N, C-alpha and C. Protein backbone atom coordinates (compact mmCIF):
# COMPACT_ATOMS: atom_id res chain seq x y z
N MET A 1 0.75 -1.28 -0.20
CA MET A 1 -0.09 0.27 0.25
C MET A 1 1.26 1.60 -0.29
N TYR A 2 1.78 1.29 0.72
CA TYR A 2 2.67 2.36 0.83
C TYR A 2 3.97 2.71 -0.67
N SER A 3 3.48 1.68 -1.14
CA SER A 3 4.27 1.45 -2.61
C SER A 3 4.10 2.54 -3.24
N LEU A 4 2.26 1.85 -3.35
CA LEU A 4 1.37 2.38 -4.14
C LEU A 4 1.24 3.60 -4.15
N THR A 5 0.98 4.24 -2.97
CA THR A 5 0.32 5.54 -2.22
C THR A 5 2.18 6.48 -2.79
N LYS A 6 3.09 6.19 -2.80
CA LYS A 6 4.51 6.92 -3.15
C LYS A 6 4.20 6.61 -4.54
N ASN A 7 4.31 5.81 -5.64
CA ASN A 7 4.51 5.85 -6.37
C ASN A 7 3.07 6.88 -7.29
N VAL A 8 1.94 7.25 -6.99
CA VAL A 8 0.80 7.93 -7.36
C VAL A 8 1.29 9.46 -6.58
N TYR A 9 1.96 9.41 -5.92
CA TYR A 9 2.62 11.17 -5.41
C TYR A 9 3.41 10.90 -6.51
N ASN A 10 4.58 10.45 -6.55
CA ASN A 10 5.42 10.54 -7.96
C ASN A 10 5.13 11.23 -8.92
N SER A 11 4.10 10.12 -9.26
CA SER A 11 3.55 10.38 -10.80
C SER A 11 2.68 11.81 -10.70
N TYR A 12 1.93 11.83 -9.70
CA TYR A 12 1.50 13.57 -8.97
C TYR A 12 2.44 14.59 -9.92
N GLN A 13 3.29 14.61 -9.48
CA GLN A 13 4.41 15.40 -8.94
C GLN A 13 5.31 15.59 -10.13
N VAL A 14 5.63 14.22 -11.16
CA VAL A 14 6.61 14.96 -12.19
C VAL A 14 4.83 15.18 -12.87
N ASP A 15 3.79 14.58 -13.39
CA ASP A 15 2.47 15.70 -13.94
C ASP A 15 2.46 17.30 -13.49
N LYS A 16 3.30 17.64 -12.38
CA LYS A 16 2.87 18.96 -12.29
C LYS A 16 4.13 19.69 -12.32
N TYR A 17 5.07 18.66 -12.28
CA TYR A 17 6.33 19.73 -13.53
C TYR A 17 6.11 19.19 -14.80
N ILE A 18 5.37 18.26 -15.68
CA ILE A 18 5.22 18.69 -17.12
C ILE A 18 4.61 19.81 -17.09
N GLU A 19 3.85 20.16 -16.21
CA GLU A 19 2.64 21.12 -16.78
C GLU A 19 2.80 22.44 -16.59
N ASN A 20 4.29 22.74 -15.01
CA ASN A 20 4.63 24.01 -15.41
C ASN A 20 5.70 24.20 -16.28
N PHE A 21 6.41 23.46 -16.59
CA PHE A 21 7.15 23.04 -17.78
C PHE A 21 6.74 23.75 -19.32
N GLU A 22 5.67 23.36 -19.29
CA GLU A 22 4.95 23.56 -20.90
C GLU A 22 4.20 24.77 -20.09
N LYS A 23 3.76 24.93 -19.28
CA LYS A 23 3.13 26.98 -18.97
C LYS A 23 4.58 28.02 -19.24
N GLU A 24 5.45 27.16 -18.74
CA GLU A 24 7.01 28.22 -18.78
C GLU A 24 7.03 28.10 -20.77
N ASN A 25 6.96 26.22 -21.25
CA ASN A 25 7.65 27.43 -22.73
C ASN A 25 6.51 27.84 -23.24
N ALA A 26 5.04 27.84 -22.59
CA ALA A 26 4.88 28.71 -23.99
C ALA A 26 4.71 30.29 -23.66
N ALA A 27 4.62 30.58 -22.64
CA ALA A 27 5.39 31.94 -22.48
C ALA A 27 6.44 32.36 -22.70
N LEU A 28 7.33 31.53 -23.01
CA LEU A 28 8.65 31.53 -23.66
C LEU A 28 8.50 31.99 -24.74
N GLU A 29 8.03 31.03 -26.03
CA GLU A 29 7.27 30.93 -26.96
C GLU A 29 6.72 32.27 -26.95
N LYS A 30 5.31 32.66 -27.10
CA LYS A 30 5.28 34.13 -26.69
C LYS A 30 5.64 35.27 -26.67
N GLU A 31 6.76 35.15 -25.94
CA GLU A 31 7.86 36.10 -25.82
C GLU A 31 8.84 36.18 -27.13
N ASN A 32 9.47 34.96 -27.76
CA ASN A 32 9.90 34.64 -28.05
C ASN A 32 9.74 35.69 -29.93
N LYS A 33 8.59 35.02 -30.17
CA LYS A 33 7.25 35.40 -31.08
C LYS A 33 7.24 37.08 -30.99
N GLN A 34 6.99 37.32 -29.96
CA GLN A 34 6.66 39.50 -29.60
C GLN A 34 8.21 39.81 -29.99
N LYS A 35 9.34 39.26 -29.04
CA LYS A 35 10.54 39.95 -29.59
C LYS A 35 11.10 39.53 -31.19
N MET A 36 10.68 38.53 -31.83
CA MET A 36 10.92 38.50 -33.19
C MET A 36 9.87 39.81 -34.08
N ASP A 37 8.93 39.61 -33.82
CA ASP A 37 8.05 40.78 -34.25
C ASP A 37 8.68 41.52 -34.52
N ASP A 38 8.92 42.35 -32.98
CA ASP A 38 9.55 43.64 -32.57
C ASP A 38 11.03 44.09 -33.76
N TYR A 39 11.94 42.67 -33.86
CA TYR A 39 12.92 42.97 -34.57
C TYR A 39 12.78 43.18 -36.06
N LEU A 40 11.50 42.19 -36.69
CA LEU A 40 11.08 42.64 -37.74
C LEU A 40 10.35 43.71 -38.31
N TYR A 41 9.77 44.52 -37.07
CA TYR A 41 9.37 46.12 -37.38
C TYR A 41 10.87 46.99 -36.86
N PHE A 42 11.65 46.89 -35.91
CA PHE A 42 12.43 47.81 -36.24
C PHE A 42 13.55 47.41 -37.50
N THR A 43 13.62 46.46 -38.10
CA THR A 43 14.54 46.12 -39.22
C THR A 43 13.81 46.59 -40.42
N SER A 44 12.68 47.14 -40.76
CA SER A 44 12.14 47.55 -41.90
C SER A 44 12.27 48.48 -42.10
N GLU A 45 11.91 48.04 -43.41
CA GLU A 45 12.18 50.16 -43.90
C GLU A 45 11.27 51.15 -44.09
N GLU A 46 10.11 50.49 -43.46
CA GLU A 46 9.33 51.52 -42.76
C GLU A 46 9.99 52.76 -41.24
N TYR A 47 10.07 51.54 -40.58
CA TYR A 47 10.63 52.00 -39.88
C TYR A 47 11.95 52.86 -39.70
N LEU A 48 12.78 52.24 -40.78
CA LEU A 48 13.82 52.87 -40.74
C LEU A 48 13.56 54.50 -41.70
N ASP A 49 12.56 54.27 -42.50
CA ASP A 49 12.89 55.55 -42.83
C ASP A 49 11.50 56.73 -41.94
N LYS A 50 10.83 56.16 -41.02
CA LYS A 50 10.13 56.95 -40.02
C LYS A 50 10.97 57.49 -39.07
N VAL A 51 12.01 56.70 -38.92
CA VAL A 51 12.94 57.40 -37.91
C VAL A 51 13.84 58.43 -38.70
N ALA A 52 14.49 58.26 -40.02
CA ALA A 52 15.26 59.32 -40.31
C ALA A 52 14.36 60.38 -40.80
N LYS A 53 13.10 59.97 -40.96
CA LYS A 53 12.03 61.43 -41.02
C LYS A 53 11.91 62.25 -40.20
N GLN A 54 11.72 61.62 -38.93
CA GLN A 54 11.51 62.35 -37.35
C GLN A 54 13.48 63.20 -37.28
N ASN A 55 14.42 62.29 -37.26
CA ASN A 55 15.47 62.61 -36.62
C ASN A 55 16.30 63.25 -37.30
N LEU A 56 16.56 62.92 -38.97
CA LEU A 56 17.16 63.93 -40.03
C LEU A 56 16.35 64.46 -41.04
N GLY A 57 15.54 64.43 -41.01
CA GLY A 57 14.53 65.61 -41.74
C GLY A 57 14.41 64.69 -43.12
N LEU A 58 14.52 63.35 -43.37
CA LEU A 58 14.62 63.00 -44.35
C LEU A 58 13.12 63.35 -45.45
N ILE A 59 13.25 63.58 -46.61
CA ILE A 59 12.14 63.99 -47.58
C ILE A 59 12.60 63.10 -48.27
N ASN A 60 11.24 62.31 -49.04
CA ASN A 60 11.45 61.35 -49.90
C ASN A 60 10.95 62.13 -51.46
N PRO A 61 11.36 61.71 -52.70
CA PRO A 61 11.01 62.30 -53.56
C PRO A 61 9.36 62.49 -54.03
N GLY A 62 9.19 63.20 -54.16
CA GLY A 62 7.79 63.42 -54.06
C GLY A 62 6.66 63.89 -53.30
N GLU A 63 7.35 64.20 -51.90
CA GLU A 63 6.31 64.86 -50.27
C GLU A 63 7.19 66.07 -50.17
N GLU A 64 6.18 66.79 -49.63
CA GLU A 64 6.18 67.96 -49.42
C GLU A 64 6.27 68.41 -47.86
N VAL A 65 6.82 69.10 -47.27
CA VAL A 65 7.25 69.52 -45.85
C VAL A 65 6.43 70.17 -45.73
N ILE A 66 5.57 70.36 -44.37
CA ILE A 66 4.16 71.43 -43.94
C ILE A 66 5.04 71.60 -42.58
N ILE A 67 5.43 73.07 -42.42
CA ILE A 67 5.76 73.56 -40.89
C ILE A 67 4.47 74.46 -40.53
N LEU A 68 3.85 74.11 -39.79
CA LEU A 68 3.17 75.07 -38.86
C LEU A 68 3.63 75.85 -38.12
N SER A 69 3.78 77.27 -38.17
CA SER A 69 3.81 78.34 -37.53
C SER A 69 2.92 78.43 -36.30
N PRO A 70 3.51 78.65 -35.09
CA PRO A 70 2.61 78.78 -33.73
C PRO A 70 1.49 79.67 -33.56
N ASP A 71 1.57 80.86 -34.80
CA ASP A 71 0.62 82.15 -35.07
C ASP A 71 -0.08 81.08 -35.91
N ALA A 72 -0.11 80.04 -36.72
CA ALA A 72 -0.78 79.86 -37.12
C ALA A 72 -2.11 78.73 -36.69
N LEU A 73 -1.72 77.93 -35.78
CA LEU A 73 -1.77 77.46 -34.57
C LEU A 73 -3.07 78.39 -33.64
N ALA A 74 -1.99 79.44 -33.36
CA ALA A 74 -3.27 80.08 -32.12
C ALA A 74 -4.25 80.96 -32.75
N ASP A 75 -4.29 81.01 -33.98
CA ASP A 75 -5.82 81.78 -34.97
C ASP A 75 -6.80 80.61 -35.11
N ASN A 76 -6.70 79.48 -34.56
CA ASN A 76 -7.39 78.42 -34.71
C ASN A 76 -8.16 78.56 -33.46
N VAL A 77 -7.92 79.03 -32.34
CA VAL A 77 -8.49 78.68 -31.05
C VAL A 77 -9.42 80.09 -30.70
N GLN A 78 -10.69 79.17 -30.48
CA GLN A 78 -12.28 79.79 -30.58
C GLN A 78 -12.53 80.65 -29.63
N THR A 79 -12.71 81.79 -29.59
CA THR A 79 -12.98 82.78 -28.70
C THR A 79 -14.39 83.58 -28.52
N ASP A 80 -15.12 82.63 -28.89
CA ASP A 80 -16.88 83.32 -28.76
C ASP A 80 -16.75 83.11 -27.45
N ALA A 81 -18.63 83.86 -27.01
CA ALA A 81 -19.06 83.44 -25.86
C ALA A 81 -19.76 82.31 -25.41
N ASP A 82 -20.13 81.25 -25.81
CA ASP A 82 -20.26 80.12 -25.64
C ASP A 82 -18.79 79.02 -24.99
N SER A 83 -17.74 79.40 -25.92
CA SER A 83 -16.76 78.60 -25.31
C SER A 83 -16.02 79.05 -23.47
N LEU A 84 -16.34 80.22 -23.72
CA LEU A 84 -15.86 80.99 -22.61
C LEU A 84 -17.07 80.60 -21.68
N VAL A 85 -18.14 80.68 -22.02
CA VAL A 85 -19.15 79.96 -20.63
C VAL A 85 -19.01 78.60 -20.32
N ASN A 86 -18.69 77.67 -21.04
CA ASN A 86 -18.16 76.44 -21.00
C ASN A 86 -17.19 76.32 -20.15
N ALA A 87 -15.84 77.32 -21.06
CA ALA A 87 -14.32 76.94 -20.04
C ALA A 87 -14.75 77.38 -18.43
N LYS A 88 -15.53 78.19 -18.10
CA LYS A 88 -15.92 78.72 -16.55
C LYS A 88 -16.58 77.73 -16.04
N LYS A 89 -17.91 76.87 -16.85
CA LYS A 89 -18.70 76.15 -16.15
C LYS A 89 -17.97 75.09 -15.48
N TYR A 90 -16.46 74.90 -16.20
CA TYR A 90 -16.23 73.56 -16.13
C TYR A 90 -14.61 73.63 -14.76
N GLN A 91 -14.67 75.15 -14.86
CA GLN A 91 -14.12 75.71 -13.64
C GLN A 91 -14.61 75.59 -12.42
N ASP A 92 -15.56 75.44 -12.55
CA ASP A 92 -16.35 75.37 -11.10
C ASP A 92 -16.02 73.89 -10.27
N THR A 93 -16.45 73.79 -8.85
CA THR A 93 -15.96 72.95 -8.19
C THR A 93 -16.66 71.80 -8.25
N ASN A 94 -16.77 70.66 -8.20
CA ASN A 94 -17.94 69.51 -8.23
C ASN A 94 -18.77 70.21 -7.31
N PRO A 95 -19.00 70.29 -5.89
CA PRO A 95 -19.84 70.11 -4.86
C PRO A 95 -20.24 71.55 -5.52
N ASN A 96 -20.25 72.98 -6.42
CA ASN A 96 -21.26 73.41 -6.43
C ASN A 96 -21.48 72.92 -8.11
N ARG A 97 -20.71 72.63 -9.17
CA ARG A 97 -21.36 71.92 -10.26
C ARG A 97 -22.94 71.29 -9.90
N TRP A 98 -23.04 70.45 -8.28
CA TRP A 98 -23.88 69.69 -8.43
C TRP A 98 -25.11 70.45 -7.79
N LEU A 99 -24.60 71.71 -6.71
CA LEU A 99 -25.52 72.79 -6.13
C LEU A 99 -26.64 73.17 -7.69
N LYS A 100 -25.62 73.94 -8.67
CA LYS A 100 -26.23 74.03 -9.90
C LYS A 100 -27.16 72.98 -10.73
N PHE A 101 -26.44 71.70 -10.74
CA PHE A 101 -27.64 70.80 -11.43
C PHE A 101 -28.76 70.69 -10.47
N PHE A 102 -29.14 70.34 -9.29
CA PHE A 102 -30.17 70.27 -8.53
C PHE A 102 -30.88 71.82 -8.45
N PHE A 103 -30.43 72.64 -8.25
CA PHE A 103 -31.32 74.13 -8.11
C PHE A 103 -30.69 75.01 -8.36
N GLY A 104 -30.09 75.07 -9.92
CA GLY A 104 -30.49 75.94 -10.67
C GLY A 104 -29.07 76.99 -10.85
N ASP A 105 -28.81 77.94 -12.02
CA ASP A 105 -27.95 78.76 -11.50
C ASP A 105 -28.42 80.01 -10.12
C-alpha cells in the first residue's frame, strides 16, 4: 500500500512538473514571437524611413514638408462667448456643479 501511494504521489509530482514546464515553454514562445515581431518591425524599411524623417529630416521624392507656425495654430483657437461659458462652467468645483444641477443657477 505504501509503495502504491508513493508511486501515485511521484506520478502526480511529475505531472505537475510537466505542466509547469509546458506553461513556461508557452510563455517563452510567446515572448520569443513578440521579440521576433519587434525585430522585424525595427529592421523594416518603414521604421527606418520614419526614424530618418523624424531625426534627420529626410524627405522622399514627391513629398512636401509642411511647417505650421505657432501663430497659425493660435488663430484657430475659438474665443466666442459659448466657449468662454463652457470654460467657466468647467472651472467650478464639483460641489458647486451639483448645486447648480439640482437648484439651477
